[in-house]
Amino acid sequence: MTVHIQAEKLCVEFPIYENSHRSLKNTVMHLSTGGRIGMNANQHPVVRALNEIDFEIREGDRVGLVGHNGSGKTTLLRVLSGVYAPVRGRLSMSGRVASLLDVSMGMDPDATGFENIYLRGIMDGLLPAIIRAKTDEIADFTGLGDYLNLPVRTYSSGMLLRLAFAISTSVEADILVMDEWLSVGDAEFSEKAQSRLDVLVSKAAILVIASHDPKLIAKVCNRRIHLEHGVILSDEKLDPVASDAAATA
């Protein structure tokens, strides 16, 4: 199986539900740095977060998405993760997708740590037998010990992130989608998490990451897509030698 992503005239719109011209004007003002304002087929105002974009990402690509807040980066990541569906255009993807957009998403505060491992595994489409086989490894990685028998609502924010990170990074994927590089926990756990994330990224056939850090993009990616107002301004290859120099500058 060849891992790939291809988008043709991909369009994502969000309707604006307002009752007055004044409130609509205020909404447009607040959204002026985001997607473009337009009308849908029924002449209702919408924010066009992605405006008929075309791209192809092939096996081996490490793509960095750049652009200001509201440029469409996170919207595109959510489309690739299956959170948003395009209103027009075509998206073709081949390969298993793992999303690290919100590692705490789907955690049940009243369920125990062990129960959340199982619940998140089901959400990620894993068979119960596979989840059971991974549970001990996930539990050991968290370092939470007996706390895994307690409801996660009793956890500190750091403990919750440990559990969520361990679960989210336990499954190898063909396509890895990330919004910024994850940094989790105290120094000791963060070092362990960094090593695990490096392995996960190296094994993925395709990486798509959005970031405001140019050094990170230069270090990790071999390609950079610049989005503004929901359109692609540029799509360029990054020189590995130049990337290394920029990362260490």
C-alpha atoms as a PDB file:
ATOM      1  CA  MET A   1       0.000   0.000   0.000  1.00  0.00           C
ATOM      2  CA  THR A   2       1.292   3.433  -0.984  1.00  0.00           C
ATOM      3  CA  VAL A   3       0.660   6.072   1.667  1.00  0.00           C
ATOM      4  CA  HIS A   4      -0.528   9.365   0.215  1.00  0.00           C
ATOM      5  CA  ILE A   5      -2.791  12.405   0.638  1.00  0.00           C
ATOM      6  CA  GLN A   6      -4.310  14.267  -2.294  1.00  0.00           C
ATOM      7  CA  ALA A   7      -6.682  17.233  -2.186  1.00  0.00           C
ATOM      8  CA  GLU A   8      -8.453  18.772  -5.159  1.00  0.00           C
ATOM      9  CA  LYS A   9     -10.391  22.044  -4.842  1.00  0.00           C
ATOM     10  CA  LEU A  10     -10.807  21.357  -1.116  1.00  0.00           C
ATOM     11  CA  CYS A  11     -13.210  23.786   0.519  1.00  0.00           C
ATOM     12  CA  VAL A  12     -14.301  24.102   4.173  1.00  0.00           C
ATOM     13  CA  GLU A  13     -16.903  26.652   5.250  1.00  0.00           C
ATOM     14  CA  PHE A  14     -18.458  27.593   8.577  1.00  0.00           C
ATOM     15  CA  PRO A  15     -21.874  29.285   8.583  1.00  0.00           C
ATOM     16  CA  ILE A  16     -22.371  32.546  10.479  1.00  0.00           C
ATOM     17  CA  TYR A  17     -25.643  32.454  12.401  1.00  0.00           C
ATOM     18  CA  GLU A  18     -26.524  36.068  13.204  1.00  0.00           C
ATOM     19  CA  ASN A  19     -29.825  37.939  13.425  1.00  0.00           C
ATOM     20  CA  SER A  20     -28.847  41.474  12.586  1.00  0.00           C
ATOM     21  CA  HIS A  21     -26.728  43.385  10.153  1.00  0.00           C
ATOM     22  CA  ARG A  22     -24.838  44.972  13.054  1.00  0.00           C
ATOM     23  CA  SER A  23     -23.973  41.671  14.692  1.00  0.00           C
ATOM     24  CA  LEU A  24     -22.938  40.272  11.314  1.00  0.00           C
ATOM     25  CA  LYS A  25     -20.682  43.301  10.779  1.00  0.00           C
ATOM     26  CA  ASN A  26     -19.097  42.754  14.207  1.00  0.00           C
ATOM     27  CA  THR A  27     -18.551  39.084  13.408  1.00  0.00           C
ATOM     28  CA  VAL A  28     -16.869  39.956  10.117  1.00  0.00           C
ATOM     29  CA  MET A  29     -14.612  42.453  11.896  1.00  0.00           C
ATOM     30  CA  HIS A  30     -13.514  39.831  14.436  1.00  0.00           C
ATOM     31  CA  LEU A  31     -12.830  37.313  11.672  1.00  0.00           C
ATOM     32  CA  SER A  32     -10.866  39.681   9.441  1.00  0.00           C
ATOM     33  CA  THR A  33      -7.586  37.874  10.100  1.00  0.00           C
ATOM     34  CA  GLY A  34      -9.067  34.422   9.481  1.00  0.00           C
ATOM     35  CA  GLY A  35     -10.797  32.816   6.510  1.00  0.00           C
ATOM     36  CA  ARG A  36     -12.515  34.823   3.815  1.00  0.00           C
ATOM     37  CA  ILE A  37     -16.145  35.902   4.186  1.00  0.00           C
ATOM     38  CA  GLY A  38     -18.493  34.651   1.496  1.00  0.00           C
ATOM     39  CA  MET A  39     -21.963  33.327   0.731  1.00  0.00           C
ATOM     40  CA  ASN A  40     -22.988  29.694   0.362  1.00  0.00           C
ATOM     41  CA  ALA A  41     -25.394  28.342  -2.268  1.00  0.00           C
ATOM     42  CA  ASN A  42     -28.358  29.534  -0.177  1.00  0.00           C
ATOM     43  CA  GLN A  43     -26.905  33.058   0.121  1.00  0.00           C
ATOM     44  CA  HIS A  44     -26.134  32.668   3.835  1.00  0.00           C
ATOM     45  CA  PRO A  45     -22.913  34.255   5.105  1.00  0.00           C
ATOM     46  CA  VAL A  46     -20.062  31.837   5.760  1.00  0.00           C
ATOM     47  CA  VAL A  47     -16.410  31.922   6.724  1.00  0.00           C
ATOM     48  CA  ARG A  48     -14.439  30.080   4.063  1.00  0.00           C
ATOM     49  CA  ALA A  49     -11.633  28.576   6.160  1.00  0.00           C
ATOM     50  CA  LEU A  50     -10.166  26.624   3.228  1.00  0.00           C
ATOM     51  CA  ASN A  51     -10.788  28.000  -0.234  1.00  0.00           C
ATOM     52  CA  GLU A  52     -10.447  25.399  -3.018  1.00  0.00           C
ATOM     53  CA  ILE A  53      -6.903  24.303  -2.205  1.00  0.00           C
ATOM     54  CA  ASP A  54      -4.953  21.664  -4.142  1.00  0.00           C
ATOM     55  CA  PHE A  55      -1.992  19.657  -2.878  1.00  0.00           C
ATOM     56  CA  GLU A  56      -0.472  16.204  -2.899  1.00  0.00           C
ATOM     57  CA  ILE A  57       1.600  14.694  -0.078  1.00  0.00           C
ATOM     58  CA  ARG A  58       3.534  11.529  -0.775  1.00  0.00           C
ATOM     59  CA  GLU A  59       5.255   8.880   1.284  1.00  0.00           C
ATOM     60  CA  GLY A  60       8.395  10.300   2.888  1.00  0.00           C
ATOM     61  CA  ASP A  61       7.106  13.873   3.025  1.00  0.00           C
ATOM     62  CA  ARG A  62       7.455  15.834   6.262  1.00  0.00           C
ATOM     63  CA  VAL A  63       5.190  18.827   5.693  1.00  0.00           C
ATOM     64  CA  GLY A  64       5.202  21.947   7.846  1.00  0.00           C
ATOM     65  CA  LEU A  65       2.135  24.203   7.707  1.00  0.00           C
ATOM     66  CA  VAL A  66       2.885  27.864   8.394  1.00  0.00           C
ATOM     67  CA  GLY A  67       0.835  31.062   8.464  1.00  0.00           C
ATOM     68  CA  HIS A  68      -0.739  33.497  10.923  1.00  0.00           C
ATOM     69  CA  ASN A  69      -3.490  32.524  13.353  1.00  0.00           C
ATOM     70  CA  GLY A  70      -6.658  31.943  11.357  1.00  0.00           C
ATOM     71  CA  SER A  71      -4.826  31.141   8.128  1.00  0.00           C
ATOM     72  CA  GLY A  72      -6.395  27.670   7.894  1.00  0.00           C
ATOM     73  CA  LYS A  73      -3.637  25.478   9.361  1.00  0.00           C
ATOM     74  CA  THR A  74      -5.658  23.892  12.157  1.00  0.00           C
ATOM     75  CA  THR A  75      -8.718  23.554   9.929  1.00  0.00           C
ATOM     76  CA  LEU A  76      -6.655  21.601   7.423  1.00  0.00           C
ATOM     77  CA  LEU A  77      -5.232  19.374  10.167  1.00  0.00           C
ATOM     78  CA  ARG A  78      -8.765  18.658  11.402  1.00  0.00           C
ATOM     79  CA  VAL A  79      -9.892  17.767   7.888  1.00  0.00           C
ATOM     80  CA  LEU A  80      -6.985  15.332   7.562  1.00  0.00           C
ATOM     81  CA  SER A  81      -7.910  13.870  10.978  1.00  0.00           C
ATOM     82  CA  GLY A  82     -11.549  13.383   9.970  1.00  0.00           C
ATOM     83  CA  VAL A  83     -12.922  15.967  12.421  1.00  0.00           C
ATOM     84  CA  TYR A  84     -14.207  18.291   9.669  1.00  0.00           C
ATOM     85  CA  ALA A  85     -15.706  17.246   6.345  1.00  0.00           C
ATOM     86  CA  PRO A  86     -15.115  19.436   3.283  1.00  0.00           C
ATOM     87  CA  VAL A  87     -18.206  21.054   1.801  1.00  0.00           C
ATOM     88  CA  ARG A  88     -16.747  20.818  -1.701  1.00  0.00           C
ATOM     89  CA  GLY A  89     -13.790  19.269  -3.415  1.00  0.00           C
ATOM     90  CA  ARG A  90     -12.139  15.902  -3.033  1.00  0.00           C
ATOM     91  CA  LEU A  91      -9.807  14.460  -0.407  1.00  0.00           C
ATOM     92  CA  SER A  92      -8.119  11.107  -0.995  1.00  0.00           C
ATOM     93  CA  MET A  93      -6.073   9.513   1.785  1.00  0.00           C
ATOM     94  CA  SER A  94      -4.405   6.124   1.983  1.00  0.00           C
ATOM     95  CA  GLY A  95      -2.921   4.902   5.267  1.00  0.00           C
ATOM     96  CA  ARG A  96      -3.732   4.820   8.969  1.00  0.00           C
ATOM     97  CA  VAL A  97      -3.990   8.312  10.484  1.00  0.00           C
ATOM     98  CA  ALA A  98      -2.978   9.243  14.034  1.00  0.00           C
ATOM     99  CA  SER A  99      -3.938  12.691  15.291  1.00  0.00           C
ATOM    100  CA  LEU A 100      -2.044  14.510  18.050  1.00  0.00           C
ATOM    101  CA  LEU A 101      -4.160  17.673  17.833  1.00  0.00           C
ATOM    102  CA  ASP A 102      -5.715  17.354  21.295  1.00  0.00           C
ATOM    103  CA  VAL A 103      -4.306  14.408  23.197  1.00  0.00           C
ATOM    104  CA  SER A 104      -6.828  14.854  26.037  1.00  0.00           C
ATOM    105  CA  MET A 105      -9.848  14.684  23.744  1.00  0.00           C
ATOM    106  CA  GLY A 106     -12.332  11.969  24.677  1.00  0.00           C
ATOM    107  CA  MET A 107     -11.061  11.389  28.215  1.00  0.00           C
ATOM    108  CA  ASP A 108     -13.895  10.477  30.622  1.00  0.00           C
ATOM    109  CA  PRO A 109     -13.256  12.267  33.947  1.00  0.00           C
ATOM    110  CA  ASP A 110     -15.322   9.757  35.917  1.00  0.00           C
ATOM    111  CA  ALA A 111     -13.560   6.708  34.466  1.00  0.00           C
ATOM    112  CA  THR A 112     -10.294   5.374  35.867  1.00  0.00           C
ATOM    113  CA  GLY A 113      -6.984   5.696  34.087  1.00  0.00           C
ATOM    114  CA  PHE A 114      -7.172   2.056  32.985  1.00  0.00           C
ATOM    115  CA  GLU A 115     -10.734   2.508  31.735  1.00  0.00           C
ATOM    116  CA  ASN A 116      -9.705   5.562  29.746  1.00  0.00           C
ATOM    117  CA  ILE A 117      -6.941   3.568  28.081  1.00  0.00           C
ATOM    118  CA  TYR A 118      -9.617   1.161  26.869  1.00  0.00           C
ATOM    119  CA  LEU A 119     -12.097   3.908  25.889  1.00  0.00           C
ATOM    120  CA  ARG A 120      -9.531   5.871  23.891  1.00  0.00           C
ATOM    121  CA  GLY A 121      -8.370   2.712  22.178  1.00  0.00           C
ATOM    122  CA  ILE A 122     -11.925   2.010  21.044  1.00  0.00           C
ATOM    123  CA  MET A 123     -12.228   5.624  19.808  1.00  0.00           C
ATOM    124  CA  ASP A 124      -9.054   5.125  17.780  1.00  0.00           C
ATOM    125  CA  GLY A 125     -10.563   2.054  16.142  1.00  0.00           C
ATOM    126  CA  LEU A 126      -8.482  -0.590  17.929  1.00  0.00           C
ATOM    127  CA  LEU A 127      -9.789  -4.071  18.620  1.00  0.00           C
ATOM    128  CA  PRO A 128     -10.220  -4.972  22.316  1.00  0.00           C
ATOM    129  CA  ALA A 129      -7.501  -7.623  22.054  1.00  0.00           C
ATOM    130  CA  ILE A 130      -5.004  -5.059  20.761  1.00  0.00           C
ATOM    131  CA  ILE A 131      -5.907  -2.625  23.541  1.00  0.00           C
ATOM    132  CA  ARG A 132      -5.386  -5.312  26.194  1.00  0.00           C
ATOM    133  CA  ALA A 133      -2.002  -6.150  24.688  1.00  0.00           C
ATOM    134  CA  LYS A 134      -0.918  -2.506  24.903  1.00  0.00           C
ATOM    135  CA  THR A 135      -2.347  -1.661  28.333  1.00  0.00           C
ATOM    136  CA  ASP A 136       0.651  -2.740  30.425  1.00  0.00           C
ATOM    137  CA  GLU A 137       3.092  -0.841  28.199  1.00  0.00           C
ATOM    138  CA  ILE A 138       0.951   2.317  28.306  1.00  0.00           C
ATOM    139  CA  ALA A 139       0.535   2.068  32.083  1.00  0.00           C
ATOM    140  CA  ASP A 140       4.267   1.616  32.600  1.00  0.00           C
ATOM    141  CA  PHE A 141       5.090   4.575  30.363  1.00  0.00           C
ATOM    142  CA  THR A 142       2.825   6.934  32.325  1.00  0.00           C
ATOM    143  CA  GLY A 143       4.607   6.196  35.607  1.00  0.00           C
ATOM    144  CA  LEU A 144       1.280   6.799  37.407  1.00  0.00           C
ATOM    145  CA  GLY A 145       1.197   3.452  39.212  1.00  0.00           C
ATOM    146  CA  ASP A 146      -1.847   2.957  41.457  1.00  0.00           C
ATOM    147  CA  TYR A 147      -3.340   6.275  40.326  1.00  0.00           C
ATOM    148  CA  LEU A 148      -4.482   4.446  37.194  1.00  0.00           C
ATOM    149  CA  ASN A 149      -7.114   2.762  39.363  1.00  0.00           C
ATOM    150  CA  LEU A 150      -8.588   6.155  40.319  1.00  0.00           C
ATOM    151  CA  PRO A 151     -10.964   8.410  38.317  1.00  0.00           C
ATOM    152  CA  VAL A 152      -8.991  10.820  36.165  1.00  0.00           C
ATOM    153  CA  ARG A 153     -10.930  13.765  37.680  1.00  0.00           C
ATOM    154  CA  THR A 154      -8.648  13.248  40.694  1.00  0.00           C
ATOM    155  CA  TYR A 155      -5.525  13.757  38.546  1.00  0.00           C
ATOM    156  CA  SER A 156      -3.484  16.915  38.320  1.00  0.00           C
ATOM    157  CA  SER A 157      -3.228  18.476  34.843  1.00  0.00           C
ATOM    158  CA  GLY A 158       0.287  17.041  34.505  1.00  0.00           C
ATOM    159  CA  MET A 159      -0.873  13.532  35.391  1.00  0.00           C
ATOM    160  CA  LEU A 160      -3.726  13.765  32.890  1.00  0.00           C
ATOM    161  CA  LEU A 161      -1.324  14.850  30.152  1.00  0.00           C
ATOM    162  CA  ARG A 162       0.975  11.935  30.956  1.00  0.00           C
ATOM    163  CA  LEU A 163      -1.882   9.476  30.519  1.00  0.00           C
ATOM    164  CA  ALA A 164      -3.261  11.141  27.406  1.00  0.00           C
ATOM    165  CA  PHE A 165       0.164  11.346  25.772  1.00  0.00           C
ATOM    166  CA  ALA A 166       0.948   7.682  26.538  1.00  0.00           C
ATOM    167  CA  ILE A 167      -2.343   6.566  25.002  1.00  0.00           C
ATOM    168  CA  SER A 168      -2.164   8.817  21.932  1.00  0.00           C
ATOM    169  CA  THR A 169       1.392   7.786  21.038  1.00  0.00           C
ATOM    170  CA  SER A 170       0.954   4.051  21.653  1.00  0.00           C
ATOM    171  CA  VAL A 171      -0.215   3.273  18.124  1.00  0.00           C
ATOM    172  CA  GLU A 172       2.060   3.509  15.111  1.00  0.00           C
ATOM    173  CA  ALA A 173       0.551   5.355  12.162  1.00  0.00           C
ATOM    174  CA  ASP A 174       1.228   5.800   8.466  1.00  0.00           C
ATOM    175  CA  ILE A 175       0.117   9.456   8.589  1.00  0.00           C
ATOM    176  CA  LEU A 176       0.873  11.545  11.681  1.00  0.00           C
ATOM    177  CA  VAL A 177      -0.971  14.857  12.121  1.00  0.00           C
ATOM    178  CA  MET A 178       0.270  17.330  14.755  1.00  0.00           C
ATOM    179  CA  ASP A 179      -0.512  20.885  15.864  1.00  0.00           C
ATOM    180  CA  GLU A 180       2.803  22.113  17.294  1.00  0.00           C
ATOM    181  CA  TRP A 181       5.365  19.783  18.851  1.00  0.00           C
ATOM    182  CA  LEU A 182       4.142  18.200  22.083  1.00  0.00           C
ATOM    183  CA  SER A 183       5.879  19.016  25.356  1.00  0.00           C
ATOM    184  CA  VAL A 184       4.606  17.012  28.299  1.00  0.00           C
ATOM    185  CA  GLY A 185       5.271  16.929  32.044  1.00  0.00           C
ATOM    186  CA  ASP A 186       8.352  17.470  34.156  1.00  0.00           C
ATOM    187  CA  ALA A 187      11.924  17.258  32.877  1.00  0.00           C
ATOM    188  CA  GLU A 188      12.287  13.506  33.435  1.00  0.00           C
ATOM    189  CA  PHE A 189       9.015  12.573  31.748  1.00  0.00           C
ATOM    190  CA  SER A 190       9.486  15.186  29.018  1.00  0.00           C
ATOM    191  CA  GLU A 191      12.772  13.566  27.975  1.00  0.00           C
ATOM    192  CA  LYS A 192      11.095  10.162  27.788  1.00  0.00           C
ATOM    193  CA  ALA A 193       8.185  11.648  25.850  1.00  0.00           C
ATOM    194  CA  GLN A 194      10.560  13.364  23.413  1.00  0.00           C
ATOM    195  CA  SER A 195      12.275  10.060  22.621  1.00  0.00           C
ATOM    196  CA  ARG A 196       8.940   8.357  22.082  1.00  0.00           C
ATOM    197  CA  LEU A 197       7.713  11.139  19.821  1.00  0.00           C
ATOM    198  CA  ASP A 198      10.922  11.012  17.775  1.00  0.00           C
ATOM    199  CA  VAL A 199      10.405   7.287  17.173  1.00  0.00           C
ATOM    200  CA  LEU A 200       6.745   7.796  16.250  1.00  0.00           C
ATOM    201  CA  VAL A 201       7.623  10.523  13.745  1.00  0.00           C
ATOM    202  CA  SER A 202      10.489   8.522  12.233  1.00  0.00           C
ATOM    203  CA  LYS A 203       8.233   5.509  11.648  1.00  0.00           C
ATOM    204  CA  ALA A 204       5.395   7.501  10.059  1.00  0.00           C
ATOM    205  CA  ALA A 205       5.364   7.521   6.272  1.00  0.00           C
ATOM    206  CA  ILE A 206       3.934  11.066   6.249  1.00  0.00           C
ATOM    207  CA  LEU A 207       4.081  13.851   8.843  1.00  0.00           C
ATOM    208  CA  VAL A 208       1.923  16.981   8.677  1.00  0.00           C
ATOM    209  CA  ILE A 209       2.633  19.510  11.440  1.00  0.00           C
ATOM    210  CA  ALA A 210       1.498  23.096  11.958  1.00  0.00           C
ATOM    211  CA  SER A 211       3.832  25.378  13.869  1.00  0.00           C
ATOM    212  CA  HIS A 212       4.786  29.006  14.449  1.00  0.00           C
ATOM    213  CA  ASP A 213       8.386  27.950  15.133  1.00  0.00           C
ATOM    214  CA  PRO A 214      10.496  28.316  11.947  1.00  0.00           C
ATOM    215  CA  LYS A 215      13.426  26.455  13.517  1.00  0.00           C
ATOM    216  CA  LEU A 216      11.199  23.459  14.261  1.00  0.00           C
ATOM    217  CA  ILE A 217       9.862  23.436  10.690  1.00  0.00           C
ATOM    218  CA  ALA A 218      13.421  23.651   9.361  1.00  0.00           C
ATOM    219  CA  LYS A 219      14.613  20.843  11.621  1.00  0.00           C
ATOM    220  CA  VAL A 220      11.741  18.382  11.155  1.00  0.00           C
ATOM    221  CA  CYS A 221      10.300  19.053   7.693  1.00  0.00           C
ATOM    222  CA  ASN A 222      11.419  18.644   4.099  1.00  0.00           C
ATOM    223  CA  ARG A 223       8.548  20.716   2.750  1.00  0.00           C
ATOM    224  CA  ARG A 224       6.735  23.887   3.820  1.00  0.00           C
ATOM    225  CA  ILE A 225       3.191  24.958   2.867  1.00  0.00           C
ATOM    226  CA  HIS A 226       2.311  28.591   3.593  1.00  0.00           C
ATOM    227  CA  LEU A 227      -1.402  29.252   4.140  1.00  0.00           C
ATOM    228  CA  GLU A 228      -3.087  32.663   4.308  1.00  0.00           C
ATOM    229  CA  HIS A 229      -6.856  33.289   4.488  1.00  0.00           C
ATOM    230  CA  GLY A 230      -7.570  29.693   3.547  1.00  0.00           C
ATOM    231  CA  VAL A 231      -5.469  29.576   0.380  1.00  0.00           C
ATOM    232  CA  ILE A 232      -1.988  28.208  -0.313  1.00  0.00           C
ATOM    233  CA  LEU A 233       0.484  31.017  -0.982  1.00  0.00           C
ATOM    234  CA  SER A 234       3.486  28.755  -1.470  1.00  0.00           C
ATOM    235  CA  ASP A 235       4.483  25.095  -1.356  1.00  0.00           C
ATOM    236  CA  GLU A 236       8.240  24.679  -1.289  1.00  0.00           C
ATOM    237  CA  LYS A 237      10.841  22.014  -0.692  1.00  0.00           C
ATOM    238  CA  LEU A 238      13.286  22.543   2.145  1.00  0.00           C
ATOM    239  CA  ASP A 239      16.977  21.838   1.642  1.00  0.00           C
ATOM    240  CA  PRO A 240      18.058  19.310   4.322  1.00  0.00           C
ATOM    241  CA  VAL A 241      21.477  20.961   4.606  1.00  0.00           C
ATOM    242  CA  ALA A 242      19.958  24.423   4.980  1.00  0.00           C
ATOM    243  CA  SER A 243      17.436  23.003   7.442  1.00  0.00           C
ATOM    244  CA  ASP A 244      20.171  21.635   9.685  1.00  0.00           C
ATOM    245  CA  ALA A 245      21.991  24.947   9.621  1.00  0.00           C
ATOM    246  CA  ALA A 246      18.824  26.881  10.445  1.00  0.00           C
ATOM    247  CA  ALA A 247      17.937  24.511  13.277  1.00  0.00           C
ATOM    248  CA  THR A 248      21.304  24.994  14.958  1.00  0.00           C
ATOM    249  CA  ALA A 249      21.581  28.718  14.334  1.00  0.00           C
END
